[in-house]
Amino acid sequence: MGPITNLDELLASDRATVTVRETALVLGVDQRTVTHAISNGELPGIRISRRVLVPRLPLVAMLTAPDKVEAA
């Protein structure tokens, strides 16, 4: 099984977590953007030793929720 690269694959997956790289591919942003968003609390993240993973279900919920844009 290769990396998850889009929303359809993310929705179809049964994995509990996805990598920062996979999250970046799904969102269409750089890995550093994902890491920064996790550090700021904008995205959920789990640190296991030196590895950071993103819980799949909360990410799916964020991406499939009705549009809710926060003003900057």
N, C-alpha and C. Protein backbone atom coordinates (compact mmCIF):
# COMPACT_ATOMS: atom_id res chain seq x y z
N MET A 1 0.85 -1.18 0.00
CA MET A 1 0.00 0.00 0.00
C MET A 1 0.89 1.24 0.00
N GLY A 2 0.69 2.10 -0.98
CA GLY A 2 1.47 3.31 -1.11
C GLY A 2 0.93 4.43 -0.24
N PRO A 3 1.54 5.59 -0.36
CA PRO A 3 1.09 6.72 0.44
C PRO A 3 -0.28 7.23 -0.01
N ILE A 4 -0.99 7.81 0.93
CA ILE A 4 -2.27 8.45 0.64
C ILE A 4 -1.96 9.80 0.01
N THR A 5 -2.56 10.06 -1.16
CA THR A 5 -2.20 11.29 -1.88
C THR A 5 -3.38 12.21 -2.16
N ASN A 6 -4.61 11.76 -1.86
CA ASN A 6 -5.76 12.63 -2.12
C ASN A 6 -6.89 12.31 -1.14
N LEU A 7 -7.92 13.13 -1.17
CA LEU A 7 -9.02 13.01 -0.23
C LEU A 7 -9.76 11.68 -0.39
N ASP A 8 -9.95 11.22 -1.61
CA ASP A 8 -10.65 9.95 -1.82
C ASP A 8 -9.91 8.79 -1.16
N GLU A 9 -8.59 8.77 -1.30
CA GLU A 9 -7.79 7.73 -0.66
C GLU A 9 -7.85 7.85 0.86
N LEU A 10 -7.85 9.08 1.36
CA LEU A 10 -7.94 9.31 2.80
C LEU A 10 -9.27 8.78 3.33
N LEU A 11 -10.35 9.06 2.61
CA LEU A 11 -11.68 8.60 3.03
C LEU A 11 -11.78 7.08 2.99
N ALA A 12 -11.15 6.45 2.02
CA ALA A 12 -11.23 5.00 1.84
C ALA A 12 -10.30 4.23 2.78
N SER A 13 -9.33 4.91 3.35
CA SER A 13 -8.34 4.24 4.19
C SER A 13 -8.95 3.78 5.51
N ASP A 14 -8.37 2.71 6.07
CA ASP A 14 -8.79 2.25 7.39
C ASP A 14 -7.69 2.49 8.43
N ARG A 15 -6.65 3.21 8.03
CA ARG A 15 -5.54 3.50 8.95
C ARG A 15 -5.97 4.50 10.01
N ALA A 16 -5.40 4.38 11.18
CA ALA A 16 -5.72 5.30 12.28
C ALA A 16 -5.04 6.65 12.11
N THR A 17 -3.87 6.65 11.50
CA THR A 17 -3.11 7.89 11.33
C THR A 17 -2.53 7.98 9.93
N VAL A 18 -2.15 9.19 9.56
CA VAL A 18 -1.44 9.43 8.31
C VAL A 18 -0.19 10.24 8.65
N THR A 19 0.78 10.19 7.76
CA THR A 19 2.03 10.91 7.99
C THR A 19 1.86 12.39 7.67
N VAL A 20 2.83 13.16 8.11
CA VAL A 20 2.84 14.59 7.77
C VAL A 20 2.94 14.74 6.25
N ARG A 21 3.74 13.91 5.60
CA ARG A 21 3.89 13.95 4.14
C ARG A 21 2.56 13.68 3.46
N GLU A 22 1.86 12.64 3.89
CA GLU A 22 0.56 12.32 3.29
C GLU A 22 -0.44 13.44 3.51
N THR A 23 -0.44 14.01 4.71
CA THR A 23 -1.34 15.13 5.00
C THR A 23 -1.05 16.30 4.07
N ALA A 24 0.22 16.58 3.85
CA ALA A 24 0.61 17.66 2.95
C ALA A 24 0.14 17.38 1.53
N LEU A 25 0.27 16.13 1.08
CA LEU A 25 -0.19 15.77 -0.27
C LEU A 25 -1.69 15.96 -0.41
N VAL A 26 -2.45 15.52 0.59
CA VAL A 26 -3.91 15.66 0.54
C VAL A 26 -4.31 17.13 0.53
N LEU A 27 -3.64 17.93 1.35
CA LEU A 27 -3.99 19.35 1.45
C LEU A 27 -3.39 20.20 0.33
N GLY A 28 -2.40 19.66 -0.37
CA GLY A 28 -1.75 20.42 -1.44
C GLY A 28 -0.85 21.51 -0.93
N VAL A 29 -0.20 21.25 0.22
CA VAL A 29 0.72 22.22 0.82
C VAL A 29 2.05 21.55 1.11
N ASP A 30 3.02 22.33 1.51
CA ASP A 30 4.34 21.82 1.87
C ASP A 30 4.28 21.12 3.23
N GLN A 31 5.16 20.15 3.44
CA GLN A 31 5.22 19.44 4.72
C GLN A 31 5.49 20.39 5.89
N ARG A 32 6.27 21.42 5.65
CA ARG A 32 6.56 22.39 6.72
C ARG A 32 5.31 23.15 7.14
N THR A 33 4.41 23.38 6.19
CA THR A 33 3.14 24.04 6.51
C THR A 33 2.32 23.16 7.44
N VAL A 34 2.29 21.86 7.17
CA VAL A 34 1.56 20.92 8.04
C VAL A 34 2.20 20.88 9.42
N THR A 35 3.52 20.78 9.47
CA THR A 35 4.22 20.75 10.76
C THR A 35 3.95 22.01 11.56
N HIS A 36 3.95 23.16 10.89
CA HIS A 36 3.66 24.43 11.55
C HIS A 36 2.22 24.45 12.07
N ALA A 37 1.27 23.96 11.26
CA ALA A 37 -0.13 23.94 11.68
C ALA A 37 -0.34 23.02 12.88
N ILE A 38 0.39 21.92 12.94
CA ILE A 38 0.31 21.03 14.10
C ILE A 38 0.87 21.73 15.33
N SER A 39 2.00 22.40 15.17
CA SER A 39 2.62 23.12 16.29
C SER A 39 1.71 24.22 16.82
N ASN A 40 0.94 24.86 15.93
CA ASN A 40 0.03 25.95 16.32
C ASN A 40 -1.32 25.45 16.81
N GLY A 41 -1.57 24.15 16.71
CA GLY A 41 -2.85 23.61 17.14
C GLY A 41 -3.94 23.71 16.08
N GLU A 42 -3.57 24.09 14.87
CA GLU A 42 -4.55 24.20 13.79
C GLU A 42 -4.90 22.83 13.21
N LEU A 43 -3.99 21.89 13.31
CA LEU A 43 -4.22 20.50 12.90
C LEU A 43 -3.87 19.60 14.08
N PRO A 44 -4.60 18.48 14.23
CA PRO A 44 -4.26 17.56 15.31
C PRO A 44 -2.99 16.79 14.97
N GLY A 45 -2.20 16.50 15.96
CA GLY A 45 -0.98 15.73 15.73
C GLY A 45 -0.64 14.88 16.94
N ILE A 46 0.01 13.76 16.68
CA ILE A 46 0.45 12.85 17.73
C ILE A 46 1.95 12.66 17.56
N ARG A 47 2.71 12.95 18.61
CA ARG A 47 4.16 12.73 18.55
C ARG A 47 4.47 11.38 19.19
N ILE A 48 5.16 10.54 18.45
CA ILE A 48 5.64 9.26 18.96
C ILE A 48 7.14 9.26 18.72
N SER A 49 7.87 9.45 19.80
CA SER A 49 9.32 9.60 19.73
C SER A 49 9.61 10.82 18.85
N ARG A 50 10.33 10.63 17.74
CA ARG A 50 10.64 11.76 16.86
C ARG A 50 9.65 11.87 15.70
N ARG A 51 8.74 10.93 15.61
CA ARG A 51 7.79 10.91 14.50
C ARG A 51 6.49 11.64 14.87
N VAL A 52 5.95 12.39 13.91
CA VAL A 52 4.68 13.08 14.11
C VAL A 52 3.67 12.49 13.13
N LEU A 53 2.51 12.10 13.66
CA LEU A 53 1.44 11.53 12.84
C LEU A 53 0.17 12.36 13.03
N VAL A 54 -0.70 12.30 12.05
CA VAL A 54 -1.96 13.03 12.10
C VAL A 54 -3.09 12.00 12.20
N PRO A 55 -3.94 12.10 13.22
CA PRO A 55 -5.07 11.17 13.33
C PRO A 55 -5.99 11.34 12.11
N ARG A 56 -6.31 10.22 11.45
CA ARG A 56 -7.06 10.27 10.19
C ARG A 56 -8.49 10.78 10.38
N LEU A 57 -9.21 10.26 11.36
CA LEU A 57 -10.63 10.63 11.50
C LEU A 57 -10.83 12.12 11.80
N PRO A 58 -10.07 12.73 12.72
CA PRO A 58 -10.24 14.18 12.90
C PRO A 58 -9.88 14.98 11.64
N LEU A 59 -8.88 14.51 10.88
CA LEU A 59 -8.52 15.19 9.64
C LEU A 59 -9.66 15.08 8.63
N VAL A 60 -10.23 13.89 8.50
CA VAL A 60 -11.38 13.69 7.60
C VAL A 60 -12.53 14.60 8.03
N ALA A 61 -12.80 14.67 9.32
CA ALA A 61 -13.89 15.52 9.82
C ALA A 61 -13.65 16.99 9.46
N MET A 62 -12.41 17.43 9.59
CA MET A 62 -12.08 18.81 9.25
C MET A 62 -12.29 19.09 7.76
N LEU A 63 -11.94 18.12 6.93
CA LEU A 63 -11.99 18.32 5.48
C LEU A 63 -13.39 18.12 4.89
N THR A 64 -14.24 17.42 5.61
CA THR A 64 -15.58 17.15 5.07
C THR A 64 -16.68 17.93 5.77
N ALA A 65 -16.32 18.73 6.76
CA ALA A 65 -17.30 19.56 7.46
C ALA A 65 -17.80 20.65 6.51
N PRO A 66 -19.04 21.11 6.73
CA PRO A 66 -19.53 22.23 5.91
C PRO A 66 -18.55 23.39 6.00
N ASP A 67 -18.44 24.12 4.91
CA ASP A 67 -17.48 25.24 4.85
C ASP A 67 -17.62 26.14 6.06
N LYS A 68 -16.50 26.33 6.72
CA LYS A 68 -16.45 27.22 7.88
C LYS A 68 -15.11 27.91 7.82
N VAL A 69 -15.11 29.12 7.34
CA VAL A 69 -13.88 29.89 7.19
C VAL A 69 -13.78 30.87 8.33
N GLU A 70 -12.63 30.87 9.01
CA GLU A 70 -12.41 31.81 10.09
C GLU A 70 -11.77 33.06 9.54
N ALA A 71 -12.23 34.19 10.01
CA ALA A 71 -11.64 35.46 9.58
C ALA A 71 -10.27 35.63 10.20
N ALA A 72 -9.35 36.15 9.41
CA ALA A 72 -7.97 36.35 9.88
C ALA A 72 -7.86 37.61 10.67
